[in-house]
């Protein structure tokens, strides 16, 4: 399998260790950077490039997944998810790694390098890589809805959009008027 990595300075040591681990276990690893430590580097380009690589490979029929790292993993997940076709999940345990694949068919995961040891991260990644998507109808349906929205800005059969009133507004609109009569 081809594995795409992206990080920033906070995840650089993790990335180097994982490159070696994944290569040793037979994976083709593509490291999207950075190549050296810079305490003020910016993660978006590294993570977006990793996500672009995963999506491009998958669309070409190449078995590929991605892993992005940063201090918390949050920004890295957000960056990866800006790529059309990327489904990046924030992972903090083996259970979340497992569910990211089983339920969400995630093609990337984000891990907080300052939140976990290297051994924990390796465990999460190995779980993520080896777990297949469940193909359960409900999960496939939900992923299809996300892809449809990403492509069209709509989901067939349901209303989504900025004009959806807030829950409180909707309840107020539905409640009978308490205005006094003019009699």
C-alpha atoms as a PDB file:
ATOM      1  CA  UNK A   1       0.000   0.000   0.000  1.00  0.00           C
ATOM      2  CA  UNK A   2       1.134   3.554  -0.639  1.00  0.00           C
ATOM      3  CA  UNK A   3       1.109   5.748   2.457  1.00  0.00           C
ATOM      4  CA  UNK A   4       1.307   9.552   2.220  1.00  0.00           C
ATOM      5  CA  UNK A   5       2.727  11.475   5.192  1.00  0.00           C
ATOM      6  CA  UNK A   6       2.473  15.181   5.981  1.00  0.00           C
ATOM      7  CA  UNK A   7       3.341  17.085   9.126  1.00  0.00           C
ATOM      8  CA  UNK A   8       4.908  20.214  10.527  1.00  0.00           C
ATOM      9  CA  UNK A   9       7.770  20.726  12.970  1.00  0.00           C
ATOM     10  CA  UNK A  10       5.717  19.254  15.847  1.00  0.00           C
ATOM     11  CA  UNK A  11       5.347  15.920  14.057  1.00  0.00           C
ATOM     12  CA  UNK A  12       8.695  15.732  12.286  1.00  0.00           C
ATOM     13  CA  UNK A  13      10.245  13.154  14.629  1.00  0.00           C
ATOM     14  CA  UNK A  14       7.073  11.025  14.459  1.00  0.00           C
ATOM     15  CA  UNK A  15       7.097  11.262  10.694  1.00  0.00           C
ATOM     16  CA  UNK A  16      10.690  10.069  10.435  1.00  0.00           C
ATOM     17  CA  UNK A  17      10.045   7.142  12.759  1.00  0.00           C
ATOM     18  CA  UNK A  18       6.871   6.198  10.907  1.00  0.00           C
ATOM     19  CA  UNK A  19       8.553   6.426   7.531  1.00  0.00           C
ATOM     20  CA  UNK A  20      11.029   3.788   8.717  1.00  0.00           C
ATOM     21  CA  UNK A  21       8.332   1.646  10.380  1.00  0.00           C
ATOM     22  CA  UNK A  22       5.992   1.696   7.385  1.00  0.00           C
ATOM     23  CA  UNK A  23       8.784   1.062   4.891  1.00  0.00           C
ATOM     24  CA  UNK A  24      10.016  -1.873   6.971  1.00  0.00           C
ATOM     25  CA  UNK A  25       6.513  -3.377   6.931  1.00  0.00           C
ATOM     26  CA  UNK A  26       6.420  -3.273   3.131  1.00  0.00           C
ATOM     27  CA  UNK A  27       4.562  -0.051   2.403  1.00  0.00           C
ATOM     28  CA  UNK A  28       5.623   2.521  -0.164  1.00  0.00           C
ATOM     29  CA  UNK A  29       5.866   5.770   1.785  1.00  0.00           C
ATOM     30  CA  UNK A  30       5.711   9.220   0.262  1.00  0.00           C
ATOM     31  CA  UNK A  31       6.746  11.992   2.633  1.00  0.00           C
ATOM     32  CA  UNK A  32       5.271  15.373   1.722  1.00  0.00           C
ATOM     33  CA  UNK A  33       7.393  17.221   4.225  1.00  0.00           C
ATOM     34  CA  UNK A  34       8.838  19.029   5.819  1.00  0.00           C
ATOM     35  CA  UNK A  35      12.370  17.817   5.175  1.00  0.00           C
ATOM     36  CA  UNK A  36      13.943  19.681   8.078  1.00  0.00           C
ATOM     37  CA  UNK A  37      13.060  21.249  11.401  1.00  0.00           C
ATOM     38  CA  UNK A  38      11.693  24.796  11.245  1.00  0.00           C
ATOM     39  CA  UNK A  39       9.856  25.846  14.432  1.00  0.00           C
ATOM     40  CA  UNK A  40       7.680  28.321  12.511  1.00  0.00           C
ATOM     41  CA  UNK A  41       6.766  26.235   9.476  1.00  0.00           C
ATOM     42  CA  UNK A  42       3.133  25.972   8.416  1.00  0.00           C
ATOM     43  CA  UNK A  43       1.365  22.613   8.224  1.00  0.00           C
ATOM     44  CA  UNK A  44      -1.385  23.334   5.640  1.00  0.00           C
ATOM     45  CA  UNK A  45       0.683  22.738   2.500  1.00  0.00           C
ATOM     46  CA  UNK A  46       2.266  19.544   3.840  1.00  0.00           C
ATOM     47  CA  UNK A  47      -1.091  18.092   4.892  1.00  0.00           C
ATOM     48  CA  UNK A  48      -2.931  19.245   1.779  1.00  0.00           C
ATOM     49  CA  UNK A  49      -0.223  17.682  -0.391  1.00  0.00           C
ATOM     50  CA  UNK A  50      -0.530  14.397   1.503  1.00  0.00           C
ATOM     51  CA  UNK A  51      -4.322  14.453   1.034  1.00  0.00           C
ATOM     52  CA  UNK A  52      -3.957  15.324  -2.662  1.00  0.00           C
ATOM     53  CA  UNK A  53      -1.625  12.356  -3.065  1.00  0.00           C
ATOM     54  CA  UNK A  54      -4.068   9.971  -1.385  1.00  0.00           C
ATOM     55  CA  UNK A  55      -7.066  11.161  -3.394  1.00  0.00           C
ATOM     56  CA  UNK A  56      -5.134  11.142  -6.683  1.00  0.00           C
ATOM     57  CA  UNK A  57      -3.849   7.614  -6.026  1.00  0.00           C
ATOM     58  CA  UNK A  58      -7.248   6.274  -5.008  1.00  0.00           C
ATOM     59  CA  UNK A  59      -8.911   7.764  -8.086  1.00  0.00           C
ATOM     60  CA  UNK A  60      -6.213   6.079 -10.204  1.00  0.00           C
ATOM     61  CA  UNK A  61      -6.948   2.717  -8.564  1.00  0.00           C
ATOM     62  CA  UNK A  62      -3.840   2.716  -6.358  1.00  0.00           C
ATOM     63  CA  UNK A  63      -4.379   1.450  -2.824  1.00  0.00           C
ATOM     64  CA  UNK A  64      -3.375   4.451  -0.697  1.00  0.00           C
ATOM     65  CA  UNK A  65      -3.969   6.030   2.697  1.00  0.00           C
ATOM     66  CA  UNK A  66      -2.530   9.058   4.457  1.00  0.00           C
ATOM     67  CA  UNK A  67      -1.327  10.170   7.858  1.00  0.00           C
ATOM     68  CA  UNK A  68      -0.904  13.784   8.945  1.00  0.00           C
ATOM     69  CA  UNK A  69       0.655  15.002  12.195  1.00  0.00           C
ATOM     70  CA  UNK A  70       0.936  18.165  14.187  1.00  0.00           C
ATOM     71  CA  UNK A  71       0.879  19.256  17.791  1.00  0.00           C
ATOM     72  CA  UNK A  72      -2.775  18.317  18.309  1.00  0.00           C
ATOM     73  CA  UNK A  73      -3.737  16.888  14.913  1.00  0.00           C
ATOM     74  CA  UNK A  74      -6.723  19.237  14.715  1.00  0.00           C
ATOM     75  CA  UNK A  75      -5.371  21.756  12.207  1.00  0.00           C
ATOM     76  CA  UNK A  76      -3.809  18.983  10.173  1.00  0.00           C
ATOM     77  CA  UNK A  77      -7.154  17.197   9.937  1.00  0.00           C
ATOM     78  CA  UNK A  78      -8.863  20.423   8.885  1.00  0.00           C
ATOM     79  CA  UNK A  79      -6.209  21.070   6.218  1.00  0.00           C
ATOM     80  CA  UNK A  80      -6.465  17.547   4.788  1.00  0.00           C
ATOM     81  CA  UNK A  81     -10.252  17.764   4.694  1.00  0.00           C
ATOM     82  CA  UNK A  82     -10.077  20.819   2.427  1.00  0.00           C
ATOM     83  CA  UNK A  83      -9.136  18.459  -0.413  1.00  0.00           C
ATOM     84  CA  UNK A  84     -12.100  17.226  -2.442  1.00  0.00           C
ATOM     85  CA  UNK A  85     -12.360  13.477  -1.816  1.00  0.00           C
ATOM     86  CA  UNK A  86     -10.355  13.464   1.428  1.00  0.00           C
ATOM     87  CA  UNK A  87     -11.959  12.000   4.529  1.00  0.00           C
ATOM     88  CA  UNK A  88      -9.525  12.685   7.351  1.00  0.00           C
ATOM     89  CA  UNK A  89     -10.380  11.574  10.879  1.00  0.00           C
ATOM     90  CA  UNK A  90      -8.736  12.748  14.090  1.00  0.00           C
ATOM     91  CA  UNK A  91      -7.468   9.618  15.849  1.00  0.00           C
ATOM     92  CA  UNK A  92      -6.544   9.396  19.530  1.00  0.00           C
ATOM     93  CA  UNK A  93      -6.979   5.682  20.250  1.00  0.00           C
ATOM     94  CA  UNK A  94      -7.032   2.311  18.562  1.00  0.00           C
ATOM     95  CA  UNK A  95     -10.837   2.423  18.770  1.00  0.00           C
ATOM     96  CA  UNK A  96     -11.057   5.725  16.875  1.00  0.00           C
ATOM     97  CA  UNK A  97      -8.591   4.414  14.278  1.00  0.00           C
ATOM     98  CA  UNK A  98     -10.701   1.293  13.836  1.00  0.00           C
ATOM     99  CA  UNK A  99     -13.975   3.219  13.539  1.00  0.00           C
ATOM    100  CA  UNK A 100     -12.442   5.754  11.150  1.00  0.00           C
ATOM    101  CA  UNK A 101     -11.988   2.909   8.671  1.00  0.00           C
ATOM    102  CA  UNK A 102     -14.999   0.700   9.532  1.00  0.00           C
ATOM    103  CA  UNK A 103     -17.661   3.418   9.648  1.00  0.00           C
ATOM    104  CA  UNK A 104     -16.226   6.392   7.772  1.00  0.00           C
ATOM    105  CA  UNK A 105     -13.946   4.809   5.179  1.00  0.00           C
ATOM    106  CA  UNK A 106     -11.453   7.496   6.210  1.00  0.00           C
ATOM    107  CA  UNK A 107      -8.584   7.721   3.779  1.00  0.00           C
ATOM    108  CA  UNK A 108      -6.408   9.835   6.067  1.00  0.00           C
ATOM    109  CA  UNK A 109      -5.934  10.133   9.789  1.00  0.00           C
ATOM    110  CA  UNK A 110      -4.579  12.988  11.856  1.00  0.00           C
ATOM    111  CA  UNK A 111      -2.667  12.382  15.069  1.00  0.00           C
ATOM    112  CA  UNK A 112      -1.437  14.853  17.668  1.00  0.00           C
ATOM    113  CA  UNK A 113       2.288  14.299  18.024  1.00  0.00           C
ATOM    114  CA  UNK A 114       2.312  16.172  21.324  1.00  0.00           C
ATOM    115  CA  UNK A 115      -0.563  14.064  22.626  1.00  0.00           C
ATOM    116  CA  UNK A 116       0.855  10.559  22.112  1.00  0.00           C
ATOM    117  CA  UNK A 117       4.010   8.520  22.282  1.00  0.00           C
ATOM    118  CA  UNK A 118       5.527   7.159  19.089  1.00  0.00           C
ATOM    119  CA  UNK A 119       4.497   3.641  20.144  1.00  0.00           C
ATOM    120  CA  UNK A 120       0.880   4.759  20.595  1.00  0.00           C
ATOM    121  CA  UNK A 121       0.899   6.457  17.194  1.00  0.00           C
ATOM    122  CA  UNK A 122       2.330   3.340  15.546  1.00  0.00           C
ATOM    123  CA  UNK A 123      -0.439   1.273  17.140  1.00  0.00           C
ATOM    124  CA  UNK A 124      -3.130   3.679  15.869  1.00  0.00           C
ATOM    125  CA  UNK A 125      -1.623   3.719  12.384  1.00  0.00           C
ATOM    126  CA  UNK A 126      -1.217  -0.047  12.139  1.00  0.00           C
ATOM    127  CA  UNK A 127      -4.854  -0.444  13.219  1.00  0.00           C
ATOM    128  CA  UNK A 128      -6.002   2.135  10.661  1.00  0.00           C
ATOM    129  CA  UNK A 129      -4.035   0.605   7.796  1.00  0.00           C
ATOM    130  CA  UNK A 130      -5.126  -2.984   8.411  1.00  0.00           C
ATOM    131  CA  UNK A 131      -8.824  -2.317   9.064  1.00  0.00           C
ATOM    132  CA  UNK A 132     -11.099  -2.407   6.016  1.00  0.00           C
ATOM    133  CA  UNK A 133     -14.253  -0.382   5.461  1.00  0.00           C
ATOM    134  CA  UNK A 134     -17.311  -2.343   6.626  1.00  0.00           C
ATOM    135  CA  UNK A 135     -19.446  -1.614   3.526  1.00  0.00           C
ATOM    136  CA  UNK A 136     -22.514  -1.601   5.791  1.00  0.00           C
ATOM    137  CA  UNK A 137     -25.351   0.120   3.945  1.00  0.00           C
ATOM    138  CA  UNK A 138     -25.843   2.891   6.518  1.00  0.00           C
ATOM    139  CA  UNK A 139     -22.157   3.834   6.443  1.00  0.00           C
ATOM    140  CA  UNK A 140     -21.945   3.696   2.662  1.00  0.00           C
ATOM    141  CA  UNK A 141     -25.096   5.852   2.425  1.00  0.00           C
ATOM    142  CA  UNK A 142     -23.657   8.499   4.743  1.00  0.00           C
ATOM    143  CA  UNK A 143     -20.348   8.634   2.896  1.00  0.00           C
ATOM    144  CA  UNK A 144     -22.249   8.967  -0.389  1.00  0.00           C
ATOM    145  CA  UNK A 145     -24.212  11.892   1.079  1.00  0.00           C
ATOM    146  CA  UNK A 146     -20.984  13.628   2.064  1.00  0.00           C
ATOM    147  CA  UNK A 147     -19.506  13.068  -1.394  1.00  0.00           C
ATOM    148  CA  UNK A 148     -22.700  14.352  -3.018  1.00  0.00           C
ATOM    149  CA  UNK A 149     -22.650  17.495  -0.888  1.00  0.00           C
ATOM    150  CA  UNK A 150     -18.962  18.022  -1.602  1.00  0.00           C
ATOM    151  CA  UNK A 151     -19.615  17.769  -5.352  1.00  0.00           C
ATOM    152  CA  UNK A 152     -22.944  19.605  -5.619  1.00  0.00           C
ATOM    153  CA  UNK A 153     -23.634  21.539  -2.424  1.00  0.00           C
ATOM    154  CA  UNK A 154     -26.787  19.458  -1.908  1.00  0.00           C
ATOM    155  CA  UNK A 155     -27.947  16.100  -0.556  1.00  0.00           C
ATOM    156  CA  UNK A 156     -30.846  14.541  -2.427  1.00  0.00           C
ATOM    157  CA  UNK A 157     -34.015  14.351  -0.344  1.00  0.00           C
ATOM    158  CA  UNK A 158     -32.897  16.575   2.520  1.00  0.00           C
ATOM    159  CA  UNK A 159     -32.551  20.303   2.949  1.00  0.00           C
ATOM    160  CA  UNK A 160     -29.090  21.647   3.669  1.00  0.00           C
ATOM    161  CA  UNK A 161     -28.061  25.250   3.378  1.00  0.00           C
ATOM    162  CA  UNK A 162     -27.557  28.580   5.061  1.00  0.00           C
ATOM    163  CA  UNK A 163     -31.287  29.285   5.069  1.00  0.00           C
ATOM    164  CA  UNK A 164     -31.970  26.483   7.571  1.00  0.00           C
ATOM    165  CA  UNK A 165     -33.274  28.301  10.657  1.00  0.00           C
ATOM    166  CA  UNK A 166     -31.649  27.767  14.022  1.00  0.00           C
ATOM    167  CA  UNK A 167     -33.498  25.260  16.217  1.00  0.00           C
ATOM    168  CA  UNK A 168     -34.809  27.997  18.527  1.00  0.00           C
ATOM    169  CA  UNK A 169     -36.071  30.033  15.568  1.00  0.00           C
ATOM    170  CA  UNK A 170     -37.794  26.974  14.125  1.00  0.00           C
ATOM    171  CA  UNK A 171     -39.506  26.229  17.421  1.00  0.00           C
ATOM    172  CA  UNK A 172     -40.623  29.854  17.805  1.00  0.00           C
ATOM    173  CA  UNK A 173     -42.008  29.852  14.266  1.00  0.00           C
ATOM    174  CA  UNK A 174     -43.945  26.663  14.988  1.00  0.00           C
ATOM    175  CA  UNK A 175     -45.414  27.863  18.302  1.00  0.00           C
ATOM    176  CA  UNK A 176     -48.877  29.498  18.303  1.00  0.00           C
ATOM    177  CA  UNK A 177     -48.780  33.253  18.608  1.00  0.00           C
ATOM    178  CA  UNK A 178     -49.200  34.575  22.129  1.00  0.00           C
ATOM    179  CA  UNK A 179     -50.186  38.052  20.907  1.00  0.00           C
ATOM    180  CA  UNK A 180     -53.171  39.573  22.701  1.00  0.00           C
ATOM    181  CA  UNK A 181     -56.246  39.942  20.569  1.00  0.00           C
ATOM    182  CA  UNK A 182     -57.250  43.367  19.299  1.00  0.00           C
ATOM    183  CA  UNK A 183     -60.831  43.009  20.578  1.00  0.00           C
END
